[in-house]
Full PDB file with SEQRES, HELIX, SHEET, SSBOND, CRYST1, ORIGX, SCALE, CONECT and MASTER records, all heavy atoms in Angstrom:
SEQRES   1 A   43  ALA ASN VAL LYS ARG LEU ALA PRO GLN ALA ASP LEU THR          
SEQRES   2 A   43  GLU PHE ASP GLN TYR SER ASP CYS VAL GLN ALA LEU ARG          
SEQRES   3 A   43  ASP GLY ARG VAL GLY SER VAL THR THR ASP ASN SER ILE          
SEQRES   4 A   43  LEU LEU GLY PHE                                              
HELIX    1 AA1 ASN A    2  LEU A    6  1                                   5    
HELIX    2 AA2 TYR A   18  ARG A   26  1                                   9    
HELIX    3 AA3 ASN A   37  GLY A   42  1                                   6    
CRYST1    1.000    1.000    1.000  90.00  90.00  90.00 P 1           1          
ORIGX1      1.000000  0.000000  0.000000        0.00000                         
ORIGX2      0.000000  1.000000  0.000000        0.00000                         
ORIGX3      0.000000  0.000000  1.000000        0.00000                         
SCALE1      1.000000  0.000000  0.000000        0.00000                         
SCALE2      0.000000  1.000000  0.000000        0.00000                         
SCALE3      0.000000  0.000000  1.000000        0.00000                         
ATOM      1  N   ALA A   1       0.826  -1.205   0.000  1.00  0.00           N  
ATOM      2  CA  ALA A   1       0.000   0.000   0.000  1.00  0.00           C  
ATOM      3  C   ALA A   1       0.861   1.256   0.000  1.00  0.00           C  
ATOM      4  O   ALA A   1       0.539   2.248  -0.663  1.00  0.00           O  
ATOM      5  CB  ALA A   1      -0.934  -0.009   1.206  1.00  0.00           C  
ATOM      6  N   ASN A   2       1.964   1.218   0.742  1.00  0.00           N  
ATOM      7  CA  ASN A   2       2.863   2.382   0.787  1.00  0.00           C  
ATOM      8  C   ASN A   2       3.488   2.659  -0.576  1.00  0.00           C  
ATOM      9  O   ASN A   2       3.668   3.817  -0.966  1.00  0.00           O  
ATOM     10  CB  ASN A   2       3.959   2.159   1.832  1.00  0.00           C  
ATOM     11  CG  ASN A   2       3.426   2.229   3.248  1.00  0.00           C  
ATOM     12  OD1 ASN A   2       2.395   2.849   3.515  1.00  0.00           O  
ATOM     13  ND2 ASN A   2       4.130   1.593   4.169  1.00  0.00           N  
ATOM     14  N   VAL A   3       3.856   1.600  -1.304  1.00  0.00           N  
ATOM     15  CA  VAL A   3       4.425   1.789  -2.646  1.00  0.00           C  
ATOM     16  C   VAL A   3       3.405   2.471  -3.558  1.00  0.00           C  
ATOM     17  O   VAL A   3       3.733   3.411  -4.292  1.00  0.00           O  
ATOM     18  CB  VAL A   3       4.876   0.444  -3.248  1.00  0.00           C  
ATOM     19  CG1 VAL A   3       5.243   0.605  -4.721  1.00  0.00           C  
ATOM     20  CG2 VAL A   3       6.075  -0.111  -2.478  1.00  0.00           C  
ATOM     21  N   LYS A   4       2.168   2.008  -3.519  1.00  0.00           N  
ATOM     22  CA  LYS A   4       1.128   2.588  -4.370  1.00  0.00           C  
ATOM     23  C   LYS A   4       0.879   4.058  -4.036  1.00  0.00           C  
ATOM     24  O   LYS A   4       0.530   4.853  -4.920  1.00  0.00           O  
ATOM     25  CB  LYS A   4      -0.155   1.780  -4.223  1.00  0.00           C  
ATOM     26  CG  LYS A   4      -0.019   0.350  -4.723  1.00  0.00           C  
ATOM     27  CD  LYS A   4      -1.208  -0.509  -4.310  1.00  0.00           C  
ATOM     28  CE  LYS A   4      -0.954  -1.977  -4.643  1.00  0.00           C  
ATOM     29  NZ  LYS A   4      -2.049  -2.860  -4.189  1.00  0.00           N  
ATOM     30  N   ARG A   5       1.084   4.401  -2.771  1.00  0.00           N  
ATOM     31  CA  ARG A   5       0.858   5.777  -2.347  1.00  0.00           C  
ATOM     32  C   ARG A   5       2.058   6.679  -2.606  1.00  0.00           C  
ATOM     33  O   ARG A   5       1.906   7.824  -3.046  1.00  0.00           O  
ATOM     34  CB  ARG A   5       0.520   5.781  -0.844  1.00  0.00           C  
ATOM     35  CG  ARG A   5       0.320   7.145  -0.219  1.00  0.00           C  
ATOM     36  CD  ARG A   5      -0.236   7.003   1.189  1.00  0.00           C  
ATOM     37  NE  ARG A   5       0.597   6.176   2.019  1.00  0.00           N  
ATOM     38  CZ  ARG A   5       1.577   6.643   2.789  1.00  0.00           C  
ATOM     39  NH1 ARG A   5       1.861   7.932   2.799  1.00  0.00           N  
ATOM     40  NH2 ARG A   5       2.284   5.821   3.542  1.00  0.00           N  
ATOM     41  N   LEU A   6       3.266   6.163  -2.346  1.00  0.00           N  
ATOM     42  CA  LEU A   6       4.467   6.996  -2.388  1.00  0.00           C  
ATOM     43  C   LEU A   6       5.227   6.911  -3.710  1.00  0.00           C  
ATOM     44  O   LEU A   6       6.011   7.808  -4.027  1.00  0.00           O  
ATOM     45  CB  LEU A   6       5.405   6.606  -1.239  1.00  0.00           C  
ATOM     46  CG  LEU A   6       4.827   6.778   0.179  1.00  0.00           C  
ATOM     47  CD1 LEU A   6       5.781   6.211   1.216  1.00  0.00           C  
ATOM     48  CD2 LEU A   6       4.525   8.243   0.465  1.00  0.00           C  
ATOM     49  N   ALA A   7       5.021   5.837  -4.464  1.00  0.00           N  
ATOM     50  CA  ALA A   7       5.668   5.691  -5.773  1.00  0.00           C  
ATOM     51  C   ALA A   7       4.623   5.181  -6.764  1.00  0.00           C  
ATOM     52  O   ALA A   7       4.672   4.039  -7.227  1.00  0.00           O  
ATOM     53  CB  ALA A   7       6.852   4.733  -5.690  1.00  0.00           C  
ATOM     54  N   PRO A   8       3.649   6.021  -7.110  1.00  0.00           N  
ATOM     55  CA  PRO A   8       2.494   5.569  -7.895  1.00  0.00           C  
ATOM     56  C   PRO A   8       2.825   5.071  -9.290  1.00  0.00           C  
ATOM     57  O   PRO A   8       1.998   4.393  -9.907  1.00  0.00           O  
ATOM     58  CB  PRO A   8       1.597   6.813  -7.948  1.00  0.00           C  
ATOM     59  CG  PRO A   8       2.512   7.962  -7.669  1.00  0.00           C  
ATOM     60  CD  PRO A   8       3.547   7.445  -6.741  1.00  0.00           C  
ATOM     61  N   GLN A   9       4.005   5.397  -9.810  1.00  0.00           N  
ATOM     62  CA  GLN A   9       4.388   4.927 -11.142  1.00  0.00           C  
ATOM     63  C   GLN A   9       5.241   3.663 -11.088  1.00  0.00           C  
ATOM     64  O   GLN A   9       5.765   3.223 -12.105  1.00  0.00           O  
ATOM     65  CB  GLN A   9       5.148   6.035 -11.892  1.00  0.00           C  
ATOM     66  CG  GLN A   9       4.348   7.322 -12.059  1.00  0.00           C  
ATOM     67  CD  GLN A   9       3.020   7.096 -12.763  1.00  0.00           C  
ATOM     68  OE1 GLN A   9       2.949   6.350 -13.729  1.00  0.00           O  
ATOM     69  NE2 GLN A   9       1.970   7.747 -12.282  1.00  0.00           N  
ATOM     70  N   ALA A  10       5.385   3.074  -9.915  1.00  0.00           N  
ATOM     71  CA  ALA A  10       6.144   1.831  -9.801  1.00  0.00           C  
ATOM     72  C   ALA A  10       5.383   0.684 -10.458  1.00  0.00           C  
ATOM     73  O   ALA A  10       4.147   0.641 -10.433  1.00  0.00           O  
ATOM     74  CB  ALA A  10       6.412   1.500  -8.337  1.00  0.00           C  
ATOM     75  N   ASP A  11       6.116  -0.238 -11.028  1.00  0.00           N  
ATOM     76  CA  ASP A  11       5.541  -1.458 -11.603  1.00  0.00           C  
ATOM     77  C   ASP A  11       5.617  -2.527 -10.510  1.00  0.00           C  
ATOM     78  O   ASP A  11       6.638  -3.203 -10.340  1.00  0.00           O  
ATOM     79  CB  ASP A  11       6.332  -1.861 -12.844  1.00  0.00           C  
ATOM     80  CG  ASP A  11       5.728  -3.069 -13.560  1.00  0.00           C  
ATOM     81  OD1 ASP A  11       4.766  -3.656 -13.027  1.00  0.00           O  
ATOM     82  OD2 ASP A  11       6.227  -3.426 -14.637  1.00  0.00           O  
ATOM     83  N   LEU A  12       4.532  -2.660  -9.771  1.00  0.00           N  
ATOM     84  CA  LEU A  12       4.539  -3.467  -8.548  1.00  0.00           C  
ATOM     85  C   LEU A  12       4.014  -4.873  -8.801  1.00  0.00           C  
ATOM     86  O   LEU A  12       2.901  -5.058  -9.284  1.00  0.00           O  
ATOM     87  CB  LEU A  12       3.690  -2.790  -7.477  1.00  0.00           C  
ATOM     88  CG  LEU A  12       3.501  -3.547  -6.155  1.00  0.00           C  
ATOM     89  CD1 LEU A  12       4.839  -3.711  -5.434  1.00  0.00           C  
ATOM     90  CD2 LEU A  12       2.493  -2.809  -5.267  1.00  0.00           C  
ATOM     91  N   THR A  13       4.831  -5.859  -8.461  1.00  0.00           N  
ATOM     92  CA  THR A  13       4.401  -7.256  -8.458  1.00  0.00           C  
ATOM     93  C   THR A  13       4.104  -7.661  -7.027  1.00  0.00           C  
ATOM     94  O   THR A  13       4.880  -7.355  -6.115  1.00  0.00           O  
ATOM     95  CB  THR A  13       5.500  -8.166  -9.035  1.00  0.00           C  
ATOM     96  OG1 THR A  13       5.696  -7.838 -10.413  1.00  0.00           O  
ATOM     97  CG2 THR A  13       5.112  -9.637  -8.920  1.00  0.00           C  
ATOM     98  N   GLU A  14       2.990  -8.364  -6.809  1.00  0.00           N  
ATOM     99  CA  GLU A  14       2.613  -8.793  -5.467  1.00  0.00           C  
ATOM    100  C   GLU A  14       2.524 -10.317  -5.397  1.00  0.00           C  
ATOM    101  O   GLU A  14       1.817 -10.944  -6.194  1.00  0.00           O  
ATOM    102  CB  GLU A  14       1.264  -8.186  -5.077  1.00  0.00           C  
ATOM    103  CG  GLU A  14       1.296  -6.676  -4.949  1.00  0.00           C  
ATOM    104  CD  GLU A  14      -0.049  -6.107  -4.558  1.00  0.00           C  
ATOM    105  OE1 GLU A  14      -0.394  -6.156  -3.361  1.00  0.00           O  
ATOM    106  OE2 GLU A  14      -0.754  -5.620  -5.474  1.00  0.00           O  
ATOM    107  N   PHE A  15       3.251 -10.890  -4.451  1.00  0.00           N  
ATOM    108  CA  PHE A  15       3.192 -12.316  -4.183  1.00  0.00           C  
ATOM    109  C   PHE A  15       2.545 -12.545  -2.819  1.00  0.00           C  
ATOM    110  O   PHE A  15       2.273 -11.596  -2.079  1.00  0.00           O  
ATOM    111  CB  PHE A  15       4.596 -12.928  -4.184  1.00  0.00           C  
ATOM    112  CG  PHE A  15       5.228 -13.060  -5.543  1.00  0.00           C  
ATOM    113  CD1 PHE A  15       6.228 -12.188  -5.951  1.00  0.00           C  
ATOM    114  CD2 PHE A  15       4.845 -14.072  -6.414  1.00  0.00           C  
ATOM    115  CE1 PHE A  15       6.826 -12.313  -7.196  1.00  0.00           C  
ATOM    116  CE2 PHE A  15       5.431 -14.210  -7.660  1.00  0.00           C  
ATOM    117  CZ  PHE A  15       6.425 -13.324  -8.054  1.00  0.00           C  
ATOM    118  N   ASP A  16       2.351 -13.797  -2.455  1.00  0.00           N  
ATOM    119  CA  ASP A  16       1.810 -14.125  -1.135  1.00  0.00           C  
ATOM    120  C   ASP A  16       2.878 -14.099  -0.047  1.00  0.00           C  
ATOM    121  O   ASP A  16       2.555 -13.911   1.125  1.00  0.00           O  
ATOM    122  CB  ASP A  16       1.154 -15.512  -1.153  1.00  0.00           C  
ATOM    123  CG  ASP A  16      -0.227 -15.480  -1.801  1.00  0.00           C  
ATOM    124  OD1 ASP A  16      -0.859 -14.404  -1.790  1.00  0.00           O  
ATOM    125  OD2 ASP A  16      -0.667 -16.517  -2.314  1.00  0.00           O  
ATOM    126  N   GLN A  17       4.145 -14.322  -0.419  1.00  0.00           N  
ATOM    127  CA  GLN A  17       5.217 -14.397   0.568  1.00  0.00           C  
ATOM    128  C   GLN A  17       6.448 -13.631   0.079  1.00  0.00           C  
ATOM    129  O   GLN A  17       6.721 -13.570  -1.127  1.00  0.00           O  
ATOM    130  CB  GLN A  17       5.600 -15.852   0.846  1.00  0.00           C  
ATOM    131  CG  GLN A  17       4.457 -16.693   1.388  1.00  0.00           C  
ATOM    132  CD  GLN A  17       4.910 -18.054   1.856  1.00  0.00           C  
ATOM    133  OE1 GLN A  17       5.384 -18.205   2.977  1.00  0.00           O  
ATOM    134  NE2 GLN A  17       4.773 -19.046   1.011  1.00  0.00           N  
ATOM    135  N   TYR A  18       7.192 -13.071   1.036  1.00  0.00           N  
ATOM    136  CA  TYR A  18       8.386 -12.306   0.677  1.00  0.00           C  
ATOM    137  C   TYR A  18       9.482 -13.178   0.093  1.00  0.00           C  
ATOM    138  O   TYR A  18      10.297 -12.718  -0.703  1.00  0.00           O  
ATOM    139  CB  TYR A  18       8.908 -11.531   1.895  1.00  0.00           C  
ATOM    140  CG  TYR A  18       8.031 -10.356   2.235  1.00  0.00           C  
ATOM    141  CD1 TYR A  18       7.288 -10.333   3.406  1.00  0.00           C  
ATOM    142  CD2 TYR A  18       7.921  -9.273   1.354  1.00  0.00           C  
ATOM    143  CE1 TYR A  18       6.470  -9.258   3.707  1.00  0.00           C  
ATOM    144  CE2 TYR A  18       7.100  -8.204   1.650  1.00  0.00           C  
ATOM    145  CZ  TYR A  18       6.368  -8.196   2.817  1.00  0.00           C  
ATOM    146  OH  TYR A  18       5.549  -7.136   3.112  1.00  0.00           O  
ATOM    147  N   SER A  19       9.517 -14.435   0.482  1.00  0.00           N  
ATOM    148  CA  SER A  19      10.529 -15.322  -0.094  1.00  0.00           C  
ATOM    149  C   SER A  19      10.352 -15.440  -1.612  1.00  0.00           C  
ATOM    150  O   SER A  19      11.329 -15.590  -2.345  1.00  0.00           O  
ATOM    151  CB  SER A  19      10.454 -16.703   0.559  1.00  0.00           C  
ATOM    152  OG  SER A  19       9.133 -17.222   0.513  1.00  0.00           O  
ATOM    153  N   ASP A  20       9.103 -15.332  -2.095  1.00  0.00           N  
ATOM    154  CA  ASP A  20       8.864 -15.345  -3.539  1.00  0.00           C  
ATOM    155  C   ASP A  20       9.393 -14.065  -4.188  1.00  0.00           C  
ATOM    156  O   ASP A  20       9.910 -14.087  -5.311  1.00  0.00           O  
ATOM    157  CB  ASP A  20       7.372 -15.499  -3.828  1.00  0.00           C  
ATOM    158  CG  ASP A  20       6.826 -16.854  -3.395  1.00  0.00           C  
ATOM    159  OD1 ASP A  20       7.574 -17.839  -3.475  1.00  0.00           O  
ATOM    160  OD2 ASP A  20       5.661 -16.912  -2.971  1.00  0.00           O  
ATOM    161  N   CYS A  21       9.254 -12.936  -3.475  1.00  0.00           N  
ATOM    162  CA  CYS A  21       9.814 -11.679  -3.982  1.00  0.00           C  
ATOM    163  C   CYS A  21      11.337 -11.755  -4.077  1.00  0.00           C  
ATOM    164  O   CYS A  21      11.939 -11.258  -5.038  1.00  0.00           O  
ATOM    165  CB  CYS A  21       9.428 -10.520  -3.059  1.00  0.00           C  
ATOM    166  SG  CYS A  21       7.734  -9.926  -3.254  1.00  0.00           S  
ATOM    167  N   VAL A  22      11.952 -12.373  -3.084  1.00  0.00           N  
ATOM    168  CA  VAL A  22      13.415 -12.498  -3.082  1.00  0.00           C  
ATOM    169  C   VAL A  22      13.871 -13.317  -4.284  1.00  0.00           C  
ATOM    170  O   VAL A  22      14.856 -12.975  -4.956  1.00  0.00           O  
ATOM    171  CB  VAL A  22      13.900 -13.135  -1.761  1.00  0.00           C  
ATOM    172  CG1 VAL A  22      15.402 -13.416  -1.822  1.00  0.00           C  
ATOM    173  CG2 VAL A  22      13.588 -12.216  -0.590  1.00  0.00           C  
ATOM    174  N   GLN A  23      13.156 -14.383  -4.583  1.00  0.00           N  
ATOM    175  CA  GLN A  23      13.513 -15.203  -5.747  1.00  0.00           C  
ATOM    176  C   GLN A  23      13.331 -14.415  -7.039  1.00  0.00           C  
ATOM    177  O   GLN A  23      14.139 -14.526  -7.970  1.00  0.00           O  
ATOM    178  CB  GLN A  23      12.665 -16.470  -5.782  1.00  0.00           C  
ATOM    179  CG  GLN A  23      13.057 -17.440  -6.883  1.00  0.00           C  
ATOM    180  CD  GLN A  23      14.517 -17.861  -6.818  1.00  0.00           C  
ATOM    181  OE1 GLN A  23      15.037 -18.179  -5.740  1.00  0.00           O  
ATOM    182  NE2 GLN A  23      15.210 -17.849  -7.954  1.00  0.00           N  
ATOM    183  N   ALA A  24      12.297 -13.582  -7.103  1.00  0.00           N  
ATOM    184  CA  ALA A  24      12.071 -12.756  -8.300  1.00  0.00           C  
ATOM    185  C   ALA A  24      13.188 -11.732  -8.472  1.00  0.00           C  
ATOM    186  O   ALA A  24      13.598 -11.434  -9.602  1.00  0.00           O  
ATOM    187  CB  ALA A  24      10.721 -12.049  -8.189  1.00  0.00           C  
ATOM    188  N   LEU A  25      13.709 -11.201  -7.379  1.00  0.00           N  
ATOM    189  CA  LEU A  25      14.853 -10.292  -7.451  1.00  0.00           C  
ATOM    190  C   LEU A  25      16.105 -11.043  -7.882  1.00  0.00           C  
ATOM    191  O   LEU A  25      16.885 -10.569  -8.729  1.00  0.00           O  
ATOM    192  CB  LEU A  25      15.081  -9.630  -6.090  1.00  0.00           C  
ATOM    193  CG  LEU A  25      16.311  -8.720  -5.959  1.00  0.00           C  
ATOM    194  CD1 LEU A  25      16.258  -7.566  -6.957  1.00  0.00           C  
ATOM    195  CD2 LEU A  25      16.446  -8.189  -4.522  1.00  0.00           C  
ATOM    196  N   ARG A  26      16.264 -12.235  -7.377  1.00  0.00           N  
ATOM    197  CA  ARG A  26      17.443 -13.040  -7.691  1.00  0.00           C  
ATOM    198  C   ARG A  26      17.503 -13.376  -9.185  1.00  0.00           C  
ATOM    199  O   ARG A  26      18.578 -13.310  -9.791  1.00  0.00           O  
ATOM    200  CB  ARG A  26      17.429 -14.319  -6.854  1.00  0.00           C  
ATOM    201  CG  ARG A  26      18.588 -15.256  -7.111  1.00  0.00           C  
ATOM    202  CD  ARG A  26      18.559 -16.425  -6.140  1.00  0.00           C  
ATOM    203  NE  ARG A  26      19.041 -16.051  -4.812  1.00  0.00           N  
ATOM    204  CZ  ARG A  26      18.326 -16.149  -3.690  1.00  0.00           C  
ATOM    205  NH1 ARG A  26      17.077 -16.616  -3.735  1.00  0.00           N  
ATOM    206  NH2 ARG A  26      18.838 -15.786  -2.533  1.00  0.00           N  
ATOM    207  N   ASP A  27      16.367 -13.697  -9.772  1.00  0.00           N  
ATOM    208  CA  ASP A  27      16.404 -14.106 -11.184  1.00  0.00           C  
ATOM    209  C   ASP A  27      16.070 -12.972 -12.154  1.00  0.00           C  
ATOM    210  O   ASP A  27      15.940 -13.192 -13.351  1.00  0.00           O  
ATOM    211  CB  ASP A  27      15.496 -15.316 -11.425  1.00  0.00           C  
ATOM    212  CG  ASP A  27      14.021 -15.055 -11.136  1.00  0.00           C  
ATOM    213  OD1 ASP A  27      13.565 -13.907 -11.289  1.00  0.00           O  
ATOM    214  OD2 ASP A  27      13.314 -16.012 -10.754  1.00  0.00           O  
ATOM    215  N   GLY A  28      15.935 -11.753 -11.640  1.00  0.00           N  
ATOM    216  CA  GLY A  28      15.821 -10.598 -12.512  1.00  0.00           C  
ATOM    217  C   GLY A  28      14.430 -10.209 -12.945  1.00  0.00           C  
ATOM    218  O   GLY A  28      14.262  -9.291 -13.751  1.00  0.00           O  
ATOM    219  N   ARG A  29      13.402 -10.850 -12.423  1.00  0.00           N  
ATOM    220  CA  ARG A  29      12.040 -10.467 -12.790  1.00  0.00           C  
ATOM    221  C   ARG A  29      11.656  -9.109 -12.219  1.00  0.00           C  
ATOM    222  O   ARG A  29      10.799  -8.406 -12.767  1.00  0.00           O  
ATOM    223  CB  ARG A  29      11.051 -11.534 -12.325  1.00  0.00           C  
ATOM    224  CG  ARG A  29      11.027 -12.783 -13.195  1.00  0.00           C  
ATOM    225  CD  ARG A  29      10.121 -13.832 -12.590  1.00  0.00           C  
ATOM    226  NE  ARG A  29      10.721 -14.455 -11.413  1.00  0.00           N  
ATOM    227  CZ  ARG A  29      10.029 -15.049 -10.450  1.00  0.00           C  
ATOM    228  NH1 ARG A  29       8.705 -15.069 -10.496  1.00  0.00           N  
ATOM    229  NH2 ARG A  29      10.660 -15.612  -9.422  1.00  0.00           N  
ATOM    230  N   VAL A  30      12.245  -8.746 -11.075  1.00  0.00           N  
ATOM    231  CA  VAL A  30      12.053  -7.416 -10.493  1.00  0.00           C  
ATOM    232  C   VAL A  30      13.420  -6.858 -10.132  1.00  0.00           C  
ATOM    233  O   VAL A  30      14.414  -7.601 -10.037  1.00  0.00           O  
ATOM    234  CB  VAL A  30      11.143  -7.452  -9.238  1.00  0.00           C  
ATOM    235  CG1 VAL A  30       9.761  -7.973  -9.587  1.00  0.00           C  
ATOM    236  CG2 VAL A  30      11.778  -8.279  -8.126  1.00  0.00           C  
ATOM    237  N   GLY A  31      13.472  -5.549  -9.922  1.00  0.00           N  
ATOM    238  CA  GLY A  31      14.748  -4.919  -9.587  1.00  0.00           C  
ATOM    239  C   GLY A  31      14.922  -4.614  -8.119  1.00  0.00           C  
ATOM    240  O   GLY A  31      16.015  -4.208  -7.695  1.00  0.00           O  
ATOM    241  N   SER A  32      13.855  -4.831  -7.317  1.00  0.00           N  
ATOM    242  CA  SER A  32      13.954  -4.558  -5.890  1.00  0.00           C  
ATOM    243  C   SER A  32      12.832  -5.253  -5.137  1.00  0.00           C  
ATOM    244  O   SER A  32      11.834  -5.679  -5.731  1.00  0.00           O  
ATOM    245  CB  SER A  32      13.892  -3.049  -5.615  1.00  0.00           C  
ATOM    246  OG  SER A  32      12.634  -2.523  -6.008  1.00  0.00           O  
ATOM    247  N   VAL A  33      13.020  -5.374  -3.834  1.00  0.00           N  
ATOM    248  CA  VAL A  33      11.989  -5.872  -2.923  1.00  0.00           C  
ATOM    249  C   VAL A  33      11.827  -4.823  -1.836  1.00  0.00           C  
ATOM    250  O   VAL A  33      12.824  -4.324  -1.292  1.00  0.00           O  
ATOM    251  CB  VAL A  33      12.382  -7.222  -2.288  1.00  0.00           C  
ATOM    252  CG1 VAL A  33      11.322  -7.669  -1.287  1.00  0.00           C  
ATOM    253  CG2 VAL A  33      12.602  -8.283  -3.357  1.00  0.00           C  
ATOM    254  N   THR A  34      10.601  -4.483  -1.514  1.00  0.00           N  
ATOM    255  CA  THR A  34      10.398  -3.487  -0.456  1.00  0.00           C  
ATOM    256  C   THR A  34       9.440  -4.007   0.601  1.00  0.00           C  
ATOM    257  O   THR A  34       8.361  -4.509   0.317  1.00  0.00           O  
ATOM    258  CB  THR A  34       9.894  -2.153  -1.038  1.00  0.00           C  
ATOM    259  OG1 THR A  34       9.714  -1.202   0.036  1.00  0.00           O  
ATOM    260  CG2 THR A  34       8.591  -2.313  -1.802  1.00  0.00           C  
ATOM    261  N   THR A  35       9.892  -3.915   1.840  1.00  0.00           N  
ATOM    262  CA  THR A  35       9.102  -4.264   3.019  1.00  0.00           C  
ATOM    263  C   THR A  35       9.842  -3.720   4.236  1.00  0.00           C  
ATOM    264  O   THR A  35      10.743  -2.890   4.104  1.00  0.00           O  
ATOM    265  CB  THR A  35       8.863  -5.775   3.126  1.00  0.00           C  
ATOM    266  OG1 THR A  35       8.000  -6.023   4.249  1.00  0.00           O  
ATOM    267  CG2 THR A  35      10.143  -6.566   3.299  1.00  0.00           C  
ATOM    268  N   ASP A  36       9.507  -4.218   5.413  1.00  0.00           N  
ATOM    269  CA  ASP A  36      10.138  -3.720   6.638  1.00  0.00           C  
ATOM    270  C   ASP A  36      11.627  -4.049   6.657  1.00  0.00           C  
ATOM    271  O   ASP A  36      12.043  -5.140   6.234  1.00  0.00           O  
ATOM    272  CB  ASP A  36       9.466  -4.337   7.860  1.00  0.00           C  
ATOM    273  CG  ASP A  36       7.967  -4.083   7.889  1.00  0.00           C  
ATOM    274  OD1 ASP A  36       7.511  -3.173   7.177  1.00  0.00           O  
ATOM    275  OD2 ASP A  36       7.261  -4.798   8.613  1.00  0.00           O  
ATOM    276  N   ASN A  37      12.420  -3.113   7.190  1.00  0.00           N  
ATOM    277  CA  ASN A  37      13.872  -3.313   7.226  1.00  0.00           C  
ATOM    278  C   ASN A  37      14.266  -4.553   8.022  1.00  0.00           C  
ATOM    279  O   ASN A  37      15.231  -5.236   7.684  1.00  0.00           O  
ATOM    280  CB  ASN A  37      14.583  -2.072   7.768  1.00  0.00           C  
ATOM    281  CG  ASN A  37      14.009  -1.582   9.091  1.00  0.00           C  
ATOM    282  OD1 ASN A  37      13.120  -2.200   9.689  1.00  0.00           O  
ATOM    283  ND2 ASN A  37      14.504  -0.448   9.552  1.00  0.00           N  
ATOM    284  N   SER A  38      13.507  -4.876   9.067  1.00  0.00           N  
ATOM    285  CA  SER A  38      13.831  -6.059   9.867  1.00  0.00           C  
ATOM    286  C   SER A  38      13.694  -7.332   9.044  1.00  0.00           C  
ATOM    287  O   SER A  38      14.471  -8.284   9.209  1.00  0.00           O  
ATOM    288  CB  SER A  38      12.914  -6.125  11.094  1.00  0.00           C  
ATOM    289  OG  SER A  38      11.551  -6.038  10.712  1.00  0.00           O  
ATOM    290  N   ILE A  39      12.713  -7.372   8.159  1.00  0.00           N  
ATOM    291  CA  ILE A  39      12.529  -8.540   7.280  1.00  0.00           C  
ATOM    292  C   ILE A  39      13.637  -8.601   6.236  1.00  0.00           C  
ATOM    293  O   ILE A  39      14.247  -9.649   5.997  1.00  0.00           O  
ATOM    294  CB  ILE A  39      11.151  -8.483   6.596  1.00  0.00           C  
ATOM    295  CG1 ILE A  39      10.033  -8.541   7.643  1.00  0.00           C  
ATOM    296  CG2 ILE A  39      10.999  -9.617   5.581  1.00  0.00           C  
ATOM    297  CD1 ILE A  39       8.639  -8.305   7.079  1.00  0.00           C  
ATOM    298  N   LEU A  40      13.921  -7.457   5.620  1.00  0.00           N  
ATOM    299  CA  LEU A  40      14.947  -7.412   4.572  1.00  0.00           C  
ATOM    300  C   LEU A  40      16.323  -7.773   5.114  1.00  0.00           C  
ATOM    301  O   LEU A  40      17.107  -8.451   4.434  1.00  0.00           O  
ATOM    302  CB  LEU A  40      14.980  -6.018   3.945  1.00  0.00           C  
ATOM    303  CG  LEU A  40      13.714  -5.596   3.186  1.00  0.00           C  
ATOM    304  CD1 LEU A  40      13.847  -4.170   2.690  1.00  0.00           C  
ATOM    305  CD2 LEU A  40      13.416  -6.545   2.027  1.00  0.00           C  
ATOM    306  N   LEU A  41      16.628  -7.340   6.333  1.00  0.00           N  
ATOM    307  CA  LEU A  41      17.940  -7.651   6.913  1.00  0.00           C  
ATOM    308  C   LEU A  41      18.138  -9.153   7.064  1.00  0.00           C  
ATOM    309  O   LEU A  41      19.259  -9.653   6.921  1.00  0.00           O  
ATOM    310  CB  LEU A  41      18.098  -6.953   8.264  1.00  0.00           C  
ATOM    311  CG  LEU A  41      18.504  -5.486   8.203  1.00  0.00           C  
ATOM    312  CD1 LEU A  41      18.313  -4.814   9.558  1.00  0.00           C  
ATOM    313  CD2 LEU A  41      19.957  -5.345   7.743  1.00  0.00           C  
ATOM    314  N   GLY A  42      17.052  -9.864   7.343  1.00  0.00           N  
ATOM    315  CA  GLY A  42      17.162 -11.318   7.429  1.00  0.00           C  
ATOM    316  C   GLY A  42      17.560 -11.934   6.105  1.00  0.00           C  
ATOM    317  O   GLY A  42      18.420 -12.823   6.054  1.00  0.00           O  
ATOM    318  N   PHE A  43      16.994 -11.442   5.010  1.00  0.00           N  
ATOM    319  CA  PHE A  43      17.346 -11.969   3.690  1.00  0.00           C  
ATOM    320  C   PHE A  43      18.766 -11.560   3.280  1.00  0.00           C  
ATOM    321  O   PHE A  43      19.488 -12.340   2.667  1.00  0.00           O  
ATOM    322  CB  PHE A  43      16.340 -11.486   2.648  1.00  0.00           C  
ATOM    323  CG  PHE A  43      14.963 -12.061   2.822  1.00  0.00           C  
ATOM    324  CD1 PHE A  43      13.853 -11.240   2.986  1.00  0.00           C  
ATOM    325  CD2 PHE A  43      14.773 -13.436   2.831  1.00  0.00           C  
ATOM    326  CE1 PHE A  43      12.581 -11.775   3.145  1.00  0.00           C  
ATOM    327  CE2 PHE A  43      13.510 -13.983   2.993  1.00  0.00           C  
ATOM    328  CZ  PHE A  43      12.411 -13.147   3.152  1.00  0.00           C  
TER     329      PHE A  43                                                      
MASTER        0    0    0    3    0    0    0    6  328    1    0    4          
END                                                                             
């Protein structure tokens, strides 16, 4: 929701789990993953 509000021109992909987003970043389907810093630090 924050991405849609603060970066309205972003091309946002939504998955059910962040681990799926991480895999999409790894294989180049997306250029970034955004969520809480505590979650990202774990990855």
